[in-house]
C-alpha atoms as a PDB file:
ATOM      1  CA  MET A   1      -0.099  -0.157   0.046  1.00  0.00           C
ATOM      2  CA  SER A   2       1.188   3.316  -0.812  1.00  0.00           C
ATOM      3  CA  VAL A   3      -0.172   6.115   1.428  1.00  0.00           C
ATOM      4  CA  THR A   4      -0.442   9.646  -0.112  1.00  0.00           C
ATOM      5  CA  ALA A   5      -2.290  11.258   2.621  1.00  0.00           C
ATOM      6  CA  PHE A   6      -3.972  10.697   5.887  1.00  0.00           C
ATOM      7  CA  TYR A   7      -6.047  13.494   7.789  1.00  0.00           C
ATOM      8  CA  PRO A   8      -8.992  14.335  10.078  1.00  0.00           C
ATOM      9  CA  VAL A   9     -12.374  15.552   8.488  1.00  0.00           C
ATOM     10  CA  LEU A  10     -14.497  17.463  11.042  1.00  0.00           C
ATOM     11  CA  MET A  11     -18.273  17.283  10.404  1.00  0.00           C
ATOM     12  CA  SER A  12     -19.635  20.555  10.974  1.00  0.00           C
ATOM     13  CA  ARG A  13     -22.944  22.690  11.245  1.00  0.00           C
ATOM     14  CA  ASP A  14     -21.365  25.701   9.564  1.00  0.00           C
ATOM     15  CA  VAL A  15     -18.615  24.484   7.113  1.00  0.00           C
ATOM     16  CA  ALA A  16     -17.703  27.971   5.950  1.00  0.00           C
ATOM     17  CA  GLY A  17     -17.436  29.157   9.838  1.00  0.00           C
ATOM     18  CA  ALA A  18     -15.368  26.450  10.917  1.00  0.00           C
ATOM     19  CA  ALA A  19     -12.816  26.700   8.029  1.00  0.00           C
ATOM     20  CA  ALA A  20     -12.713  30.395   8.757  1.00  0.00           C
ATOM     21  CA  PHE A  21     -11.759  29.693  12.193  1.00  0.00           C
ATOM     22  CA  TYR A  22      -8.652  27.392  11.153  1.00  0.00           C
ATOM     23  CA  ARG A  23      -7.923  29.759   8.163  1.00  0.00           C
ATOM     24  CA  ASP A  24      -8.186  32.632  10.263  1.00  0.00           C
ATOM     25  CA  ALA A  25      -7.139  31.866  13.828  1.00  0.00           C
ATOM     26  CA  LEU A  26      -4.224  29.336  13.044  1.00  0.00           C
ATOM     27  CA  GLY A  27      -3.288  30.230   9.369  1.00  0.00           C
ATOM     28  CA  PHE A  28      -4.776  27.232   7.362  1.00  0.00           C
ATOM     29  CA  GLU A  29      -4.770  27.977   3.809  1.00  0.00           C
ATOM     30  CA  VAL A  30      -7.736  26.841   1.706  1.00  0.00           C
ATOM     31  CA  THR A  31      -7.124  23.826  -1.012  1.00  0.00           C
ATOM     32  CA  TYR A  32     -10.700  23.197  -1.700  1.00  0.00           C
ATOM     33  CA  ASP A  33     -13.837  25.159  -1.291  1.00  0.00           C
ATOM     34  CA  SER A  34     -17.207  24.316  -1.582  1.00  0.00           C
ATOM     35  CA  SER A  35     -20.887  24.973   0.244  1.00  0.00           C
ATOM     36  CA  TRP A  36     -20.353  21.610   1.991  1.00  0.00           C
ATOM     37  CA  TYR A  37     -16.609  20.678   1.935  1.00  0.00           C
ATOM     38  CA  VAL A  38     -13.479  22.601   2.601  1.00  0.00           C
ATOM     39  CA  SER A  39      -9.956  20.996   2.545  1.00  0.00           C
ATOM     40  CA  LEU A  40      -6.955  23.146   4.409  1.00  0.00           C
ATOM     41  CA  ARG A  41      -3.254  22.666   4.498  1.00  0.00           C
ATOM     42  CA  LEU A  42      -0.806  24.342   7.182  1.00  0.00           C
ATOM     43  CA  GLY A  43       2.480  23.377   5.875  1.00  0.00           C
ATOM     44  CA  THR A  44       2.249  19.620   5.248  1.00  0.00           C
ATOM     45  CA  PHE A  45      -0.470  19.099   7.411  1.00  0.00           C
ATOM     46  CA  GLU A  46      -3.962  18.661   6.399  1.00  0.00           C
ATOM     47  CA  LEU A  47      -7.467  19.157   7.739  1.00  0.00           C
ATOM     48  CA  ALA A  48     -11.170  18.955   6.159  1.00  0.00           C
ATOM     49  CA  ILE A  49     -14.322  20.253   7.094  1.00  0.00           C
ATOM     50  CA  LEU A  50     -17.620  18.543   5.811  1.00  0.00           C
ATOM     51  CA  ALA A  51     -21.193  19.442   6.306  1.00  0.00           C
ATOM     52  CA  HIS A  52     -22.546  16.636   8.816  1.00  0.00           C
ATOM     53  CA  ASP A  53     -25.751  16.228   6.877  1.00  0.00           C
ATOM     54  CA  HIS A  54     -24.073  15.807   3.429  1.00  0.00           C
ATOM     55  CA  PRO A  55     -25.365  12.617   1.526  1.00  0.00           C
ATOM     56  CA  THR A  56     -22.239  11.304   1.265  1.00  0.00           C
ATOM     57  CA  ILE A  57     -22.628  10.478   4.947  1.00  0.00           C
ATOM     58  CA  PRO A  58     -24.299   7.360   5.600  1.00  0.00           C
ATOM     59  CA  GLU A  59     -27.309   7.460   7.079  1.00  0.00           C
ATOM     60  CA  GLY A  60     -27.042   7.031  11.324  1.00  0.00           C
ATOM     61  CA  PHE A  61     -23.636   8.977  10.881  1.00  0.00           C
ATOM     62  CA  ARG A  62     -24.518  12.295  10.072  1.00  0.00           C
ATOM     63  CA  ALA A  63     -23.697  13.668  13.523  1.00  0.00           C
ATOM     64  CA  LEU A  64     -21.489  16.472  14.875  1.00  0.00           C
ATOM     65  CA  PRO A  65     -18.217  15.852  16.617  1.00  0.00           C
ATOM     66  CA  SER A  66     -18.457  14.761  19.896  1.00  0.00           C
ATOM     67  CA  GLY A  67     -15.226  14.004  22.085  1.00  0.00           C
ATOM     68  CA  VAL A  68     -12.703  15.348  19.696  1.00  0.00           C
ATOM     69  CA  LEU A  69      -9.424  16.691  20.761  1.00  0.00           C
ATOM     70  CA  VAL A  70      -7.551  17.888  17.966  1.00  0.00           C
ATOM     71  CA  ASN A  71      -3.620  18.425  18.877  1.00  0.00           C
ATOM     72  CA  LEU A  72      -1.603  21.598  17.310  1.00  0.00           C
ATOM     73  CA  GLU A  73       1.726  21.052  18.194  1.00  0.00           C
ATOM     74  CA  VAL A  74       3.855  24.274  18.275  1.00  0.00           C
ATOM     75  CA  ASP A  75       7.396  25.555  19.028  1.00  0.00           C
ATOM     76  CA  ASP A  76       6.285  28.604  21.065  1.00  0.00           C
ATOM     77  CA  VAL A  77       3.083  27.838  22.925  1.00  0.00           C
ATOM     78  CA  ASP A  78       3.106  31.018  24.747  1.00  0.00           C
ATOM     79  CA  ALA A  79       3.159  33.098  21.777  1.00  0.00           C
ATOM     80  CA  VAL A  80       0.409  31.199  20.210  1.00  0.00           C
ATOM     81  CA  HIS A  81      -1.799  31.463  23.777  1.00  0.00           C
ATOM     82  CA  GLU A  82      -0.940  35.434  23.657  1.00  0.00           C
ATOM     83  CA  ARG A  83      -2.312  35.629  19.807  1.00  0.00           C
ATOM     84  CA  LEU A  84      -5.417  33.381  20.622  1.00  0.00           C
ATOM     85  CA  THR A  85      -6.374  34.939  23.853  1.00  0.00           C
ATOM     86  CA  ALA A  86      -5.643  38.510  23.137  1.00  0.00           C
ATOM     87  CA  GLU A  87      -5.930  39.088  19.426  1.00  0.00           C
ATOM     88  CA  VAL A  88      -8.638  36.344  18.385  1.00  0.00           C
ATOM     89  CA  GLY A  89     -10.591  36.614  21.718  1.00  0.00           C
ATOM     90  CA  LEU A  90     -10.437  32.614  22.602  1.00  0.00           C
ATOM     91  CA  GLU A  91     -11.051  31.776  26.352  1.00  0.00           C
ATOM     92  CA  PRO A  92      -9.370  28.732  27.069  1.00  0.00           C
ATOM     93  CA  VAL A  93     -11.289  26.262  28.817  1.00  0.00           C
ATOM     94  CA  PHE A  94      -8.282  24.249  30.044  1.00  0.00           C
ATOM     95  CA  THR A  95      -5.321  27.023  31.459  1.00  0.00           C
ATOM     96  CA  LEU A  96      -1.716  27.233  30.110  1.00  0.00           C
ATOM     97  CA  ARG A  97       0.364  25.174  32.118  1.00  0.00           C
ATOM     98  CA  ASP A  98       3.417  22.389  32.455  1.00  0.00           C
ATOM     99  CA  GLU A  99       2.800  18.821  32.742  1.00  0.00           C
ATOM    100  CA  ASP A 100       4.850  15.956  34.348  1.00  0.00           C
ATOM    101  CA  PHE A 101       4.404  13.986  31.124  1.00  0.00           C
ATOM    102  CA  GLY A 102       6.291  16.616  28.657  1.00  0.00           C
ATOM    103  CA  GLN A 103       4.050  19.012  27.352  1.00  0.00           C
ATOM    104  CA  ARG A 104       3.482  22.737  27.932  1.00  0.00           C
ATOM    105  CA  HIS A 105      -0.264  23.232  26.534  1.00  0.00           C
ATOM    106  CA  PHE A 106      -3.574  24.854  26.650  1.00  0.00           C
ATOM    107  CA  ILE A 107      -7.202  23.742  25.338  1.00  0.00           C
ATOM    108  CA  VAL A 108      -9.626  26.079  23.715  1.00  0.00           C
ATOM    109  CA  VAL A 109     -13.194  25.187  22.382  1.00  0.00           C
ATOM    110  CA  ALA A 110     -13.029  25.481  18.178  1.00  0.00           C
ATOM    111  CA  PRO A 111     -16.427  25.211  16.118  1.00  0.00           C
ATOM    112  CA  ASP A 112     -18.487  22.496  16.718  1.00  0.00           C
ATOM    113  CA  GLY A 113     -17.346  21.724  20.174  1.00  0.00           C
ATOM    114  CA  VAL A 114     -14.150  20.521  18.894  1.00  0.00           C
ATOM    115  CA  LEU A 115     -11.429  20.775  21.260  1.00  0.00           C
ATOM    116  CA  LEU A 116      -8.021  22.350  20.367  1.00  0.00           C
ATOM    117  CA  ASP A 117      -5.373  21.547  22.483  1.00  0.00           C
ATOM    118  CA  VAL A 118      -2.034  23.992  21.699  1.00  0.00           C
ATOM    119  CA  ILE A 119       0.934  21.825  23.095  1.00  0.00           C
ATOM    120  CA  GLN A 120       4.556  22.609  22.951  1.00  0.00           C
ATOM    121  CA  PRO A 121       6.743  19.684  23.988  1.00  0.00           C
ATOM    122  CA  ILE A 122       9.075  20.017  26.926  1.00  0.00           C
ATOM    123  CA  PRO A 123      11.141  17.751  28.953  1.00  0.00           C
ATOM    124  CA  PRO A 124       9.062  15.053  30.889  1.00  0.00           C
ATOM    125  CA  SER A 125       9.898  14.464  34.800  1.00  0.00           C
ATOM    126  CA  ALA A 126      11.910  11.323  35.436  1.00  0.00           C
ATOM    127  CA  GLU A 127       8.523   9.393  36.192  1.00  0.00           C
ATOM    128  CA  TYR A 128       7.450   9.867  32.539  1.00  0.00           C
ATOM    129  CA  ALA A 129      10.719   9.960  30.712  1.00  0.00           C
ATOM    130  CA  ASP A 130      10.872   5.973  30.196  1.00  0.00           C
ATOM    131  CA  ALA A 131       7.427   6.071  28.422  1.00  0.00           C
ATOM    132  CA  TYR A 132       8.867   7.710  25.414  1.00  0.00           C
ATOM    133  CA  ALA A 133      10.560   5.494  22.566  1.00  0.00           C
ATOM    134  CA  THR A 134      14.094   6.378  21.905  1.00  0.00           C
END
């Protein structure tokens, strides 16, 4: 098998609004735009937004995301926190903090209830260091 791409597709109530969030707040570029599906790219990373009630979704599965956490790993989480809170106006639902397992991060709510966890890797405590593959 030769894989050419692998990326999440988030179902949405408001495709244009959700795409605008990822574009304006995070800098994604639109690579395909229709009323029911938007494909986005940030560097080599891809994300798509799909109307949750579109006929290409099988009956019984046309739902909004629930329990979805999307990780965005960055090199300066403090700068992203400042921009998203001060400039974009997002209110974190999980405050900026360091975790013993090797992350400095915060969480905001993205469109359709998706949680966006913005993460900067930091050295883990001795308790967690052995859990990482070398």
